[in-house]
Protein backbone atom coordinates (compact mmCIF):
# COMPACT_ATOMS: atom_id res chain seq x y z
CA MET A 1 0.70 -19.86 -0.81
CA ASP A 2 2.42 -23.06 -1.97
CA TRP A 3 5.53 -22.16 -0.04
CA LEU A 4 3.50 -21.90 3.18
CA ILE A 5 1.95 -25.35 2.70
CA GLU A 6 5.33 -26.86 1.87
CA LEU A 7 6.87 -25.27 4.92
CA PHE A 8 4.64 -27.30 7.21
CA THR A 9 4.29 -30.46 5.10
CA GLN A 10 7.70 -31.02 3.54
CA GLU A 11 10.40 -32.60 5.68
CA SER A 12 12.98 -30.00 6.66
CA VAL A 13 14.81 -28.54 9.65
CA ALA A 14 12.57 -25.45 9.62
CA GLN A 15 9.43 -27.65 9.55
CA THR A 16 10.60 -29.60 12.64
CA ILE A 17 11.36 -26.45 14.60
CA LEU A 18 8.03 -24.88 13.70
CA LEU A 19 6.09 -28.00 14.73
CA LEU A 20 7.91 -28.23 18.03
CA ALA A 21 7.28 -24.55 18.74
CA ILE A 22 3.56 -24.81 17.87
CA ILE A 23 3.16 -27.91 20.02
CA SER A 24 4.97 -26.31 22.93
CA ILE A 25 3.06 -23.03 22.74
CA PHE A 26 -0.31 -24.76 22.58
CA GLY A 27 0.51 -27.25 25.30
CA LEU A 28 1.95 -24.66 27.70
CA ALA A 29 -0.99 -22.29 27.11
CA VAL A 30 -3.60 -24.97 27.80
CA GLY A 31 -1.53 -26.26 30.71
CA LYS A 32 -1.98 -22.93 32.48
CA VAL A 33 -5.79 -23.31 32.53
CA LYS A 34 -6.98 -24.25 35.99
CA ILE A 35 -9.88 -26.60 36.50
CA GLY A 36 -11.00 -26.77 40.13
CA GLY A 37 -7.91 -24.82 41.06
CA ILE A 38 -5.64 -27.38 39.43
CA SER A 39 -3.53 -26.97 36.27
CA LEU A 40 -1.49 -29.73 34.62
CA GLY A 41 1.26 -27.48 33.43
CA THR A 42 4.03 -28.87 31.22
CA CYS A 43 2.45 -32.31 30.88
CA LEU A 44 -0.15 -30.85 28.46
CA VAL A 45 2.75 -30.41 26.03
CA PHE A 46 3.07 -34.19 25.85
CA PHE A 47 -0.61 -34.73 25.14
CA ALA A 48 -0.69 -31.85 22.64
CA ALA A 49 2.25 -33.52 20.84
CA ILE A 50 0.39 -36.86 20.73
CA LEU A 51 -2.63 -35.08 19.22
CA VAL A 52 -0.52 -33.29 16.56
CA GLY A 53 1.44 -36.47 15.87
CA HIS A 54 -1.77 -38.42 15.35
CA PHE A 55 -3.18 -35.99 12.77
CA ALA A 56 0.21 -35.60 11.08
CA GLY A 57 0.29 -39.35 10.63
CA ARG A 58 -3.24 -39.41 9.17
CA LEU A 59 -2.30 -36.66 6.72
CA GLY A 60 0.94 -38.37 5.72
CA ILE A 61 3.16 -35.47 6.96
CA ARG A 62 6.69 -36.65 7.60
CA VAL A 63 9.26 -34.87 9.76
CA ASN A 64 12.99 -34.93 10.20
CA THR A 65 13.32 -37.81 12.65
CA ALA A 66 16.98 -36.98 13.35
CA MET A 67 15.95 -33.48 14.45
CA MET A 68 13.13 -34.86 16.57
CA ASP A 69 15.47 -37.33 18.28
CA PHE A 70 18.01 -34.59 18.92
CA ALA A 71 15.37 -32.28 20.45
CA LYS A 72 14.06 -35.11 22.64
CA ASN A 73 17.42 -36.26 23.93
CA PHE A 74 19.05 -32.85 24.29
CA GLY A 75 15.96 -31.48 26.01
CA LEU A 76 16.06 -34.36 28.48
CA VAL A 77 19.80 -33.78 29.14
CA ILE A 78 19.25 -30.05 29.76
CA PHE A 79 16.40 -30.73 32.17
CA VAL A 80 18.01 -33.45 34.27
CA TYR A 81 21.38 -31.68 34.36
CA THR A 82 19.92 -28.38 35.55
CA LEU A 83 17.86 -30.30 38.12
CA GLY A 84 20.98 -31.96 39.45
CA LEU A 85 22.84 -28.65 39.42
CA GLN A 86 20.06 -27.00 41.37
CA CYS A 87 19.96 -29.71 44.00
CA GLY A 88 23.69 -30.46 44.13
CA PRO A 89 24.67 -27.96 46.88
CA SER A 90 22.23 -29.59 49.33
CA PHE A 91 22.30 -33.15 48.00
CA PHE A 92 24.97 -34.66 50.25
CA SER A 93 23.69 -32.79 53.33
CA SER A 94 20.24 -34.19 52.55
CA LEU A 95 21.72 -37.68 52.53
CA ARG A 96 22.88 -37.05 56.06
CA LYS A 97 19.47 -35.68 57.00
CA GLY A 98 17.16 -38.34 55.62
CA GLY A 99 18.48 -39.04 52.10
CA ILE A 100 19.34 -42.62 52.97
CA LYS A 101 15.80 -43.10 54.22
CA LEU A 102 14.43 -41.67 50.96
CA ASN A 103 16.54 -44.07 48.88
CA LEU A 104 15.48 -47.01 51.02
CA ILE A 105 11.86 -45.98 50.29
CA ALA A 106 12.76 -45.90 46.60
CA ILE A 107 14.22 -49.41 46.71
CA ALA A 108 11.13 -50.78 48.46
CA THR A 109 8.83 -49.11 45.95
CA ILE A 110 10.78 -50.41 42.98
CA LEU A 111 10.71 -53.93 44.36
CA LEU A 112 6.95 -53.66 44.94
CA GLY A 113 6.33 -52.42 41.40
CA SER A 114 8.57 -55.08 39.89
CA LEU A 115 6.79 -57.83 41.86
CA LEU A 116 3.45 -56.44 40.66
CA ALA A 117 4.68 -56.56 37.02
CA VAL A 118 5.62 -60.21 37.44
CA VAL A 119 2.23 -61.01 38.99
CA PHE A 120 0.43 -59.27 36.12
CA ALA A 121 2.49 -61.26 33.60
CA TRP A 122 1.38 -64.54 35.16
CA CYS A 123 -2.26 -63.47 35.74
CA PHE A 124 -2.88 -61.87 32.33
CA ASP A 125 -0.90 -64.34 30.22
CA MET A 126 1.82 -61.89 29.19
CA LYS A 127 5.45 -62.65 28.47
CA ILE A 128 7.95 -61.17 30.87
CA PRO A 129 9.51 -58.86 28.26
CA GLU A 130 6.06 -57.47 27.45
CA SER A 131 5.40 -56.85 31.15
CA VAL A 132 8.81 -55.21 31.56
CA GLY A 133 8.07 -52.91 28.62
CA LEU A 134 4.78 -52.00 30.24
CA LEU A 135 6.56 -51.38 33.58
CA SER A 136 9.09 -49.15 31.84
CA GLY A 137 6.26 -47.09 30.38
CA ALA A 138 4.43 -47.03 33.68
CA VAL A 139 7.45 -45.51 35.38
CA THR A 140 8.37 -43.36 32.33
CA SER A 141 11.86 -44.89 32.27
CA THR A 142 13.38 -44.69 28.83
CA PRO A 143 16.71 -46.19 30.08
CA SER A 144 14.75 -49.19 31.37
CA LEU A 145 13.05 -49.63 27.99
CA ILE A 146 16.37 -49.47 26.11
CA SER A 147 17.92 -51.87 28.60
CA ALA A 148 15.06 -54.37 28.19
CA GLN A 149 15.18 -54.25 24.41
CA GLN A 150 18.96 -54.66 24.31
CA THR A 151 18.83 -57.57 26.71
CA VAL A 152 16.34 -59.39 24.45
CA LEU A 153 18.61 -58.82 21.45
CA ASP A 154 21.66 -60.05 23.40
CA MET A 155 19.83 -63.21 24.29
CA ASN A 156 18.26 -63.72 20.86
CA PRO A 157 19.62 -61.32 18.16
CA GLY A 158 16.80 -62.15 15.72
CA ASP A 159 13.88 -61.56 18.08
CA ILE A 160 12.77 -58.24 16.59
CA GLU A 161 9.08 -59.06 17.29
CA THR A 162 9.67 -59.11 21.07
CA VAL A 163 11.65 -55.90 20.85
CA ASN A 164 8.80 -54.19 19.04
CA THR A 165 6.33 -55.53 21.55
CA ILE A 166 8.32 -54.07 24.42
CA GLY A 167 8.35 -50.69 22.59
CA ALA A 168 4.60 -50.80 21.90
CA ALA A 169 3.80 -51.61 25.54
CA TYR A 170 6.02 -48.78 26.65
CA ALA A 171 4.34 -46.28 24.26
CA VAL A 172 0.88 -47.21 25.52
CA GLY A 173 1.81 -47.17 29.15
CA TYR A 174 3.83 -43.94 29.07
CA PRO A 175 1.06 -41.27 28.65
CA PHE A 176 -1.33 -43.04 30.99
CA SER A 177 1.35 -43.29 33.67
CA ILE A 178 2.13 -39.57 33.48
CA LEU A 179 -1.47 -38.72 34.27
CA SER A 180 -1.67 -41.52 36.85
CA VAL A 181 1.25 -40.21 38.89
CA ILE A 182 -0.19 -36.66 38.83
CA LEU A 183 -3.52 -38.10 40.00
CA VAL A 184 -1.73 -39.91 42.81
CA VAL A 185 -0.14 -36.64 43.94
CA MET A 186 -3.56 -35.00 43.80
CA LEU A 187 -5.13 -37.86 45.76
CA LEU A 188 -2.47 -37.79 48.48
CA ARG A 189 -2.73 -34.02 48.65
CA ALA A 190 -6.49 -34.26 49.15
CA VAL A 191 -6.32 -37.06 51.71
CA PHE A 192 -3.45 -35.51 53.69
CA ARG A 193 -4.55 -31.95 53.28
CA LYS A 194 -3.19 -30.67 56.61
CA SER A 195 0.25 -32.18 55.99
CA ALA A 196 0.28 -30.66 52.49
CA GLU A 197 -0.64 -27.20 53.74
CA LYS A 198 1.99 -27.39 56.46
CA SER A 199 4.66 -28.37 53.99
CA SER A 200 3.78 -25.94 51.19
CA GLY A 201 4.74 -22.32 50.73
CA LYS A 202 7.60 -20.23 49.48
CA ASP A 203 9.07 -19.53 52.90
CA SER A 204 12.37 -21.35 52.57
CA ASP A 205 13.08 -20.69 56.26
CA ARG A 206 10.44 -23.18 57.30
CA TYR A 207 13.24 -25.71 57.97
CA THR A 208 15.03 -23.31 60.25
CA ALA A 209 13.69 -21.87 63.49
CA VAL A 210 14.61 -18.98 65.73
CA GLY A 211 14.47 -19.36 69.50
CA GLU A 212 15.41 -17.64 72.77
CA ALA A 213 16.83 -19.40 75.74
CA LEU A 214 17.99 -18.51 79.24
CA VAL A 215 21.35 -20.18 80.10
CA LEU A 216 20.75 -22.29 83.22
CA ASN A 217 22.65 -25.40 82.25
CA LYS A 218 25.66 -25.60 84.56
CA GLU A 219 27.63 -27.50 81.92
CA LEU A 220 27.66 -24.38 79.76
CA PHE A 221 28.70 -21.79 82.34
CA ASN A 222 31.95 -19.96 81.51
CA LYS A 223 32.46 -21.82 78.23
CA THR A 224 33.14 -20.12 74.92
CA VAL A 225 30.66 -20.18 72.04
CA LYS A 226 33.01 -22.45 70.09
CA GLU A 227 33.25 -24.91 73.00
CA ILE A 228 29.46 -24.95 73.42
CA CYS A 229 28.88 -25.59 69.72
CA LEU A 230 31.42 -28.41 69.64
CA SER A 231 29.93 -30.06 72.72
CA SER A 232 26.47 -30.49 71.11
CA PRO A 233 25.50 -32.85 68.31
CA LEU A 234 22.86 -30.28 67.24
CA ASN A 235 23.56 -27.74 64.50
CA PHE A 236 22.82 -24.15 65.67
CA VAL A 237 24.11 -20.60 65.56
CA ILE A 238 24.04 -18.20 68.55
CA SER A 239 23.20 -14.88 66.89
CA ARG A 240 22.79 -12.58 69.92
CA VAL A 241 23.63 -12.48 73.61
CA TRP A 242 21.65 -10.32 76.05
CA ARG A 243 23.66 -9.44 79.10
CA ASP A 244 23.23 -6.67 81.69
CA GLY A 245 20.68 -4.91 79.43
CA ALA A 246 22.99 -4.80 76.40
CA VAL A 247 23.01 -6.83 73.24
CA GLN A 248 26.18 -8.14 71.62
CA ILE A 249 27.16 -10.28 68.69
CA PRO A 250 29.05 -13.28 69.98
CA VAL A 251 32.29 -14.44 68.40
CA SER A 252 34.02 -17.82 68.86
CA ASP A 253 35.80 -16.70 72.03
CA THR A 254 32.75 -15.08 73.66
CA VAL A 255 32.27 -16.61 77.14
CA ILE A 256 28.70 -17.54 78.03
CA ARG A 257 27.72 -16.92 81.67
CA GLU A 258 24.91 -18.05 83.87
CA GLY A 259 21.74 -16.07 83.25
CA ASP A 260 22.70 -14.91 79.73
CA ARG A 261 19.80 -14.77 77.37
CA LEU A 262 20.61 -16.11 73.92
CA MET A 263 18.95 -15.89 70.53
CA TYR A 264 19.78 -18.84 68.30
CA ILE A 265 18.93 -20.27 64.89
CA CYS A 266 18.72 -24.01 64.39
CA ASP A 267 17.19 -26.73 62.23
CA LYS A 268 13.46 -26.89 62.88
CA ASP A 269 13.69 -30.59 63.75
CA ASP A 270 16.11 -29.73 66.60
CA PHE A 271 14.12 -26.71 67.89
CA HIS A 272 12.44 -28.39 70.88
CA GLN A 273 15.78 -29.92 72.03
CA MET A 274 17.54 -26.57 72.19
CA GLY A 275 15.62 -25.29 75.24
CA SER A 276 16.69 -28.23 77.37
CA PHE A 277 20.23 -27.94 76.07
CA PHE A 278 20.59 -24.34 77.29
CA GLY A 279 18.55 -24.89 80.42
CA HIS A 280 15.37 -22.91 79.81
CA GLU A 281 13.41 -21.96 76.71
CA GLU A 282 11.73 -18.55 76.66
CA ASN A 283 8.18 -18.20 75.40
CA THR A 284 8.66 -15.43 72.89
CA ASP A 285 7.77 -16.57 69.35
CA TRP A 286 10.71 -15.26 67.33
CA ASN A 287 9.45 -17.11 64.22
CA SER A 288 6.43 -14.82 63.89
CA PRO A 289 6.49 -13.05 60.47
CA ASP A 290 5.54 -9.67 61.97
CA ILE A 291 8.68 -9.33 64.10
CA ASP A 292 10.86 -6.39 63.04
CA TRP A 293 14.38 -7.63 63.72
CA ASN A 294 15.85 -4.16 63.25
CA LYS A 295 13.88 -2.87 66.24
CA ILE A 296 15.04 -5.55 68.65
CA ASP A 297 17.90 -3.29 69.48
CA LEU A 298 19.25 -0.02 68.06
CA THR A 299 22.84 -1.02 67.39
CA LEU A 300 22.44 -4.24 65.39
CA VAL A 301 20.93 -4.77 61.98
CA SER A 302 20.26 -7.86 59.86
CA LYS A 303 21.14 -7.73 56.13
CA HIS A 304 21.58 -9.96 53.13
CA ILE A 305 24.88 -9.99 51.28
CA ARG A 306 26.01 -12.17 48.37
CA VAL A 307 29.19 -14.13 47.81
CA THR A 308 30.57 -12.97 44.45
CA LYS A 309 34.34 -13.18 44.91
CA ASP A 310 36.05 -16.24 43.46
CA ASP A 311 38.75 -16.28 46.12
CA VAL A 312 36.08 -16.48 48.89
CA ALA A 313 33.94 -19.15 47.25
CA GLY A 314 35.19 -22.64 48.08
CA HIS A 315 36.43 -21.80 51.56
CA ASN A 316 34.69 -22.88 54.77
CA LEU A 317 33.61 -20.45 57.46
CA GLY A 318 36.07 -21.84 59.96
CA ASP A 319 39.03 -20.89 57.73
CA LEU A 320 37.61 -17.47 56.80
CA LYS A 321 36.98 -16.50 60.50
CA LEU A 322 34.46 -13.86 59.44
CA ARG A 323 32.81 -13.69 62.85
CA ASN A 324 36.11 -12.85 64.64
CA LYS A 325 37.39 -10.54 61.92
CA TYR A 326 34.29 -8.42 61.52
CA GLY A 327 32.29 -8.99 64.72
CA VAL A 328 29.25 -10.18 62.73
CA ASN A 329 27.26 -13.38 62.77
CA ILE A 330 26.15 -15.37 59.70
CA THR A 331 22.83 -16.83 60.82
CA ARG A 332 21.61 -18.36 57.58
CA ILE A 333 22.83 -19.24 54.09
CA TYR A 334 20.31 -19.32 51.23
CA ARG A 335 21.48 -21.59 48.42
CA ALA A 336 19.62 -23.13 45.49
CA GLY A 337 16.24 -22.57 47.15
CA ILE A 338 17.36 -24.13 50.45
CA THR A 339 18.11 -22.35 53.70
CA LEU A 340 21.08 -23.76 55.61
CA VAL A 341 22.16 -23.30 59.20
CA PRO A 342 25.92 -22.64 58.87
CA ASP A 343 28.70 -24.08 61.01
CA ALA A 344 32.48 -23.87 60.88
CA HIS A 345 32.65 -26.56 58.20
CA THR A 346 30.12 -24.93 55.85
CA VAL A 347 31.74 -24.12 52.52
CA LEU A 348 30.69 -20.87 50.90
CA GLU A 349 29.76 -21.04 47.24
CA PHE A 350 29.49 -18.41 44.54
CA GLY A 351 26.04 -16.85 44.65
CA ASP A 352 25.30 -17.75 48.29
CA ARG A 353 23.03 -15.24 50.01
CA LEU A 354 24.19 -14.70 53.57
CA THR A 355 21.96 -13.37 56.33
CA VAL A 356 24.31 -11.36 58.49
CA VAL A 357 23.68 -9.73 61.90
CA GLY A 358 25.97 -7.00 63.25
CA SER A 359 26.61 -3.29 63.22
CA GLU A 360 26.00 -1.67 59.88
CA ASP A 361 29.62 -0.48 59.48
CA ARG A 362 31.06 -3.92 60.11
CA ILE A 363 28.56 -5.58 57.76
CA LYS A 364 29.68 -3.18 55.01
CA GLU A 365 33.34 -4.16 55.61
CA MET A 366 32.42 -7.83 55.40
CA ALA A 367 30.32 -7.24 52.25
CA LYS A 368 33.43 -5.83 50.50
CA PHE A 369 35.38 -8.91 51.51
CA VAL A 370 32.90 -11.43 50.11
CA GLY A 371 32.05 -9.29 47.09
CA ASP A 372 28.30 -8.52 47.29
CA GLU A 373 28.31 -7.44 43.63
CA GLU A 374 24.90 -8.35 42.27
CA HIS A 375 25.90 -7.67 38.64
CA ARG A 376 28.36 -10.59 38.77
CA LEU A 377 25.42 -12.96 39.35
CA ASP A 378 23.94 -11.94 35.99
CA GLU A 379 26.99 -13.12 34.04
CA PRO A 380 26.40 -16.42 32.22
CA HIS A 381 28.90 -19.20 33.02
CA LEU A 382 28.58 -21.29 29.87
CA ILE A 383 31.92 -23.13 30.01
CA PRO A 384 31.13 -24.85 33.33
CA LEU A 385 27.60 -25.57 32.13
CA LEU A 386 28.73 -27.18 28.90
CA THR A 387 31.58 -29.00 30.65
CA GLY A 388 29.09 -30.53 33.03
CA ILE A 389 26.77 -31.61 30.22
CA PHE A 390 29.68 -33.15 28.32
CA LEU A 391 30.85 -35.07 31.40
CA GLY A 392 27.30 -36.13 32.20
CA VAL A 393 26.65 -37.63 28.78
CA PHE A 394 30.11 -39.24 28.89
CA LEU A 395 29.34 -40.75 32.30
CA GLY A 396 26.00 -42.03 31.06
CA SER A 397 27.73 -43.81 28.17
CA ILE A 398 30.22 -45.80 30.28
CA PRO A 399 29.30 -49.49 30.39
CA PHE A 400 29.38 -51.07 33.86
CA ILE A 401 30.01 -54.76 34.07
CA ILE A 402 27.96 -56.50 36.80
CA PRO A 403 28.77 -60.10 37.67
CA GLY A 404 26.04 -62.46 36.49
CA ILE A 405 24.64 -60.02 33.90
CA THR A 406 25.45 -60.86 30.30
CA MET A 407 25.42 -57.23 29.04
CA PRO A 408 26.93 -54.07 30.45
CA VAL A 409 24.71 -51.57 32.27
CA LYS A 410 24.72 -47.90 31.39
CA LEU A 411 23.24 -44.91 33.23
CA GLY A 412 22.19 -43.39 29.92
CA ILE A 413 21.51 -39.75 29.01
CA ALA A 414 19.03 -39.43 31.86
CA GLY A 415 21.09 -40.89 34.72
CA GLY A 416 24.56 -39.60 33.74
CA PRO A 417 23.76 -35.89 33.47
CA ILE A 418 21.75 -35.68 36.67
CA ILE A 419 24.55 -37.40 38.63
CA MET A 420 27.09 -35.06 37.07
CA GLY A 421 24.84 -32.06 37.78
CA ILE A 422 24.73 -33.05 41.42
CA LEU A 423 28.48 -33.49 41.56
CA MET A 424 29.15 -30.20 39.79
CA GLY A 425 26.73 -28.33 42.04
CA ALA A 426 28.26 -29.85 45.16
CA PHE A 427 31.97 -29.85 44.27
CA GLY A 428 32.45 -27.55 41.29
CA HIS A 429 34.02 -24.92 43.45
CA LYS A 430 36.80 -27.32 44.42
CA ILE A 431 38.05 -27.34 40.79
CA HIS A 432 37.40 -23.59 40.39
CA LEU A 433 34.27 -24.00 38.21
CA VAL A 434 31.58 -21.43 38.85
CA THR A 435 28.42 -23.45 38.56
CA TYR A 436 26.14 -20.74 39.88
CA THR A 437 23.06 -20.15 37.73
CA SER A 438 20.46 -17.58 38.78
CA ARG A 439 17.09 -18.90 39.81
CA ALA A 440 15.36 -17.46 36.75
CA ALA A 441 18.00 -18.82 34.35
CA SER A 442 17.87 -22.27 35.99
CA LEU A 443 14.08 -22.42 35.72
CA MET A 444 14.22 -21.22 32.09
CA LEU A 445 16.76 -23.87 31.11
CA GLY A 446 14.89 -26.67 32.91
CA GLN A 447 11.50 -25.73 31.49
CA PHE A 448 12.90 -25.29 28.00
CA GLY A 449 14.50 -28.73 28.13
CA ILE A 450 11.48 -30.59 29.46
CA THR A 451 9.12 -28.83 27.05
CA PHE A 452 11.10 -29.87 24.01
CA PHE A 453 11.54 -33.39 25.39
CA PHE A 454 7.81 -33.87 25.76
CA ALA A 455 6.96 -32.17 22.48
CA SER A 456 9.25 -34.46 20.46
CA LEU A 457 8.48 -37.63 22.42
CA GLY A 458 4.71 -37.13 22.20
CA PHE A 459 4.88 -36.40 18.48
CA SER A 460 6.91 -39.58 17.88
CA VAL A 461 4.39 -41.87 19.65
CA GLY A 462 1.31 -39.97 18.35
CA GLY A 463 1.35 -41.49 14.88
CA ASN A 464 0.28 -44.96 16.01
CA PHE A 465 -1.15 -44.03 19.38
CA VAL A 466 -4.82 -44.49 18.62
CA GLU A 467 -4.28 -47.88 16.91
CA ASN A 468 -2.16 -49.12 19.82
CA VAL A 469 -4.60 -47.97 22.50
CA PHE A 470 -8.08 -48.55 21.04
CA CYS A 471 -7.87 -52.28 20.69
CA LEU A 472 -8.31 -55.10 23.17
CA GLN A 473 -4.55 -55.50 23.78
CA GLY A 474 -4.02 -51.73 24.06
CA LEU A 475 -6.85 -51.24 26.53
CA LYS A 476 -5.47 -54.10 28.67
CA TRP A 477 -2.03 -52.54 28.59
CA ALA A 478 -3.44 -49.10 29.47
CA GLY A 479 -5.32 -50.44 32.47
CA LEU A 480 -2.33 -52.43 33.76
CA ALA A 481 -0.02 -49.45 33.26
CA VAL A 482 -2.28 -47.29 35.41
CA LEU A 483 -2.17 -49.93 38.16
CA LEU A 484 1.62 -50.38 37.84
CA ALA A 485 2.12 -46.62 38.07
CA ALA A 486 -0.38 -45.86 40.83
CA VAL A 487 -0.60 -48.83 43.27
CA PRO A 488 3.07 -48.86 44.48
CA LEU A 489 3.06 -45.06 44.87
CA ILE A 490 -0.22 -44.96 46.77
CA VAL A 491 0.90 -47.78 49.11
CA MET A 492 4.29 -46.11 49.82
CA GLY A 493 2.83 -42.61 49.94
CA VAL A 494 0.40 -43.64 52.70
CA PHE A 495 3.21 -45.58 54.48
CA ASN A 496 5.49 -42.55 54.32
CA GLU A 497 2.82 -40.30 55.78
CA LYS A 498 1.38 -42.52 58.45
CA VAL A 499 4.34 -44.61 59.57
CA LEU A 500 7.47 -42.61 58.72
CA HIS A 501 5.80 -39.18 59.19
CA LEU A 502 7.72 -37.86 56.16
CA ASP A 503 7.33 -34.21 55.23
CA PHE A 504 4.61 -34.12 52.56
CA ALA A 505 6.68 -32.17 49.98
CA LYS A 506 9.50 -34.67 50.35
CA ASN A 507 7.00 -37.52 50.16
CA VAL A 508 5.53 -36.49 46.81
CA GLY A 509 8.95 -35.50 45.43
CA THR A 510 10.30 -38.92 46.33
CA LEU A 511 7.35 -40.61 44.66
CA CYS A 512 7.86 -38.54 41.51
CA GLY A 513 11.54 -39.50 41.54
CA ILE A 514 10.72 -43.16 41.99
CA ALA A 515 8.35 -42.86 39.00
CA THR A 516 11.14 -40.98 37.13
CA ASN A 517 8.33 -38.63 36.12
CA PRO A 518 9.59 -35.06 35.62
CA ASN A 519 6.15 -33.89 34.58
CA ALA A 520 4.61 -35.03 37.86
CA LEU A 521 7.53 -33.29 39.58
CA ALA A 522 6.66 -30.07 37.75
CA TYR A 523 3.09 -30.39 39.01
CA ALA A 524 4.25 -31.16 42.59
CA ASN A 525 6.57 -28.17 42.56
CA SER A 526 3.76 -25.92 41.44
CA VAL A 527 1.23 -27.03 44.08
CA MET A 528 3.76 -27.12 46.90
CA ASP A 529 5.16 -23.76 45.77
CA ASN A 530 8.69 -24.61 46.82
CA ASP A 531 11.78 -26.65 45.82
CA ASN A 532 11.50 -29.48 48.30
CA PRO A 533 9.80 -31.94 45.92
CA ALA A 534 12.68 -31.29 43.47
CA ALA A 535 15.30 -31.83 46.19
CA ALA A 536 13.72 -35.17 47.17
CA TYR A 537 13.37 -36.09 43.46
CA ALA A 538 17.04 -35.48 42.85
CA THR A 539 17.98 -37.44 45.94
CA VAL A 540 16.36 -40.66 44.73
CA TYR A 541 16.55 -40.19 40.95
CA PRO A 542 20.14 -41.47 40.37
CA LEU A 543 19.72 -44.68 42.32
CA THR A 544 16.24 -45.18 40.87
CA THR A 545 17.47 -44.80 37.29
CA PHE A 546 20.21 -47.37 37.85
CA LEU A 547 17.90 -49.84 39.57
CA ARG A 548 15.28 -49.52 36.86
CA VAL A 549 17.91 -50.47 34.24
CA PHE A 550 19.24 -53.27 36.44
CA VAL A 551 15.82 -54.74 37.33
CA ALA A 552 14.66 -54.71 33.69
CA GLN A 553 17.65 -56.85 32.72
CA ILE A 554 17.34 -59.18 35.72
CA LEU A 555 13.64 -59.87 35.09
CA ILE A 556 14.19 -60.71 31.43
CA ILE A 557 17.28 -62.83 32.05
CA LEU A 558 15.89 -64.80 34.92
CA LEU A 559 12.22 -65.14 34.07
CA SER A 560 11.99 -65.15 30.27
């Protein structure tokens, strides 16, 4: 049995892999247990790793630190890159539809948290670097920690004691902040229960709406569908036209007449404006889940087809002229968990699921044109994936010189890959890179990465965790970290709900992104049961990561 004991106690590659696997299995299994209907999910891996790391330190068990560092950093890169890749297709459209507002919220929250850190430094007799280290842990920002430590060394190369103090404050604040942000999400969900229920659910069409209108607006009489769409700032698709007891699929040149009854699909936010635009809104609730669309008329059907041809992906609908060629209407595009209302400028991407209305024969013809070969979606596209990871790490390593700052700023291995993931997801088709990853594969990659990140990070801080926490200084740090993590998020969360009336899923996703807390994001995704927290997280994460790095340097340079 000596070999078995040595396998787990002697430093080796096999030992490191086994420990990471045990920690991950135990943490994920316990994380599935629900208490009061709530489970903590992946974050239990981090606490399980701290526990194992603590006992390993007491028993004198050493591990391969190089392997642990690799698992931590590579896991983080995989997670943030797949997150960016998942949200990339809708990232820039989200900026046009509220992304700027989300980033302004992020800036305000970061400033509030930074001000609070300075106030704590003055009130509790802490040095600014110590407070910055605590703030970095409170917002789980490793790039901020590294930036703060490097700034101290640049200012005073021999000040190792301050560097270690920053690291210790970070290590104490980190685990408490993870739990604090999750508790903030729980609190907001309990306080704003109706908003949370309204925003949750797997129905990705909740941001699109279906309506029926009677054309009574004189400005629209005898105009083509194309002219009508161009004349309105609203984004909508006319999917059917009822005229003289018959139903037809309109094309761009279809002329709309007085008294026509139209069925349209639009963004939910624009729904109530559509009735006045056409002249009269009918009372039928076409959004009811029990409506059988195939029974609305006997000649038209609604089907889903997939874009799987490389020569179709990357082209916009206006150039493809699918409606005029095949006499069908694309009413929705499902992409990366988001439902889009298409227009002439919408670019099709590999893997898009199109909701198409038309006659069955014409839909079959169009399906052949766009591909609709499900087996192609199961093929792994490793070259684009690895290319994106390479470019992301490279981007994160580029030093940016900012006037007035003595050291260059870097996005790091957290900021670079998520930005590159967003860019690849949004524009990969333009350079003929197929970035499509199936939903299951994307979730598997992301969960694998974040699991190994937390397992290795928790183990590394577990050795001295008890000594750092259970002392007067550690308890003070822990309490302040909880306040630094929770207070700005609670203030802004309530402000977003009550003043800005922000969708609840976007609200909590934004707060998780501001806290750069992927574990809280995993919890928010699970309780909201959709991808909107992740979309909001990815919207604010890049700017947040950069600002955390920048603010850490500014505070130390100006106030130390």
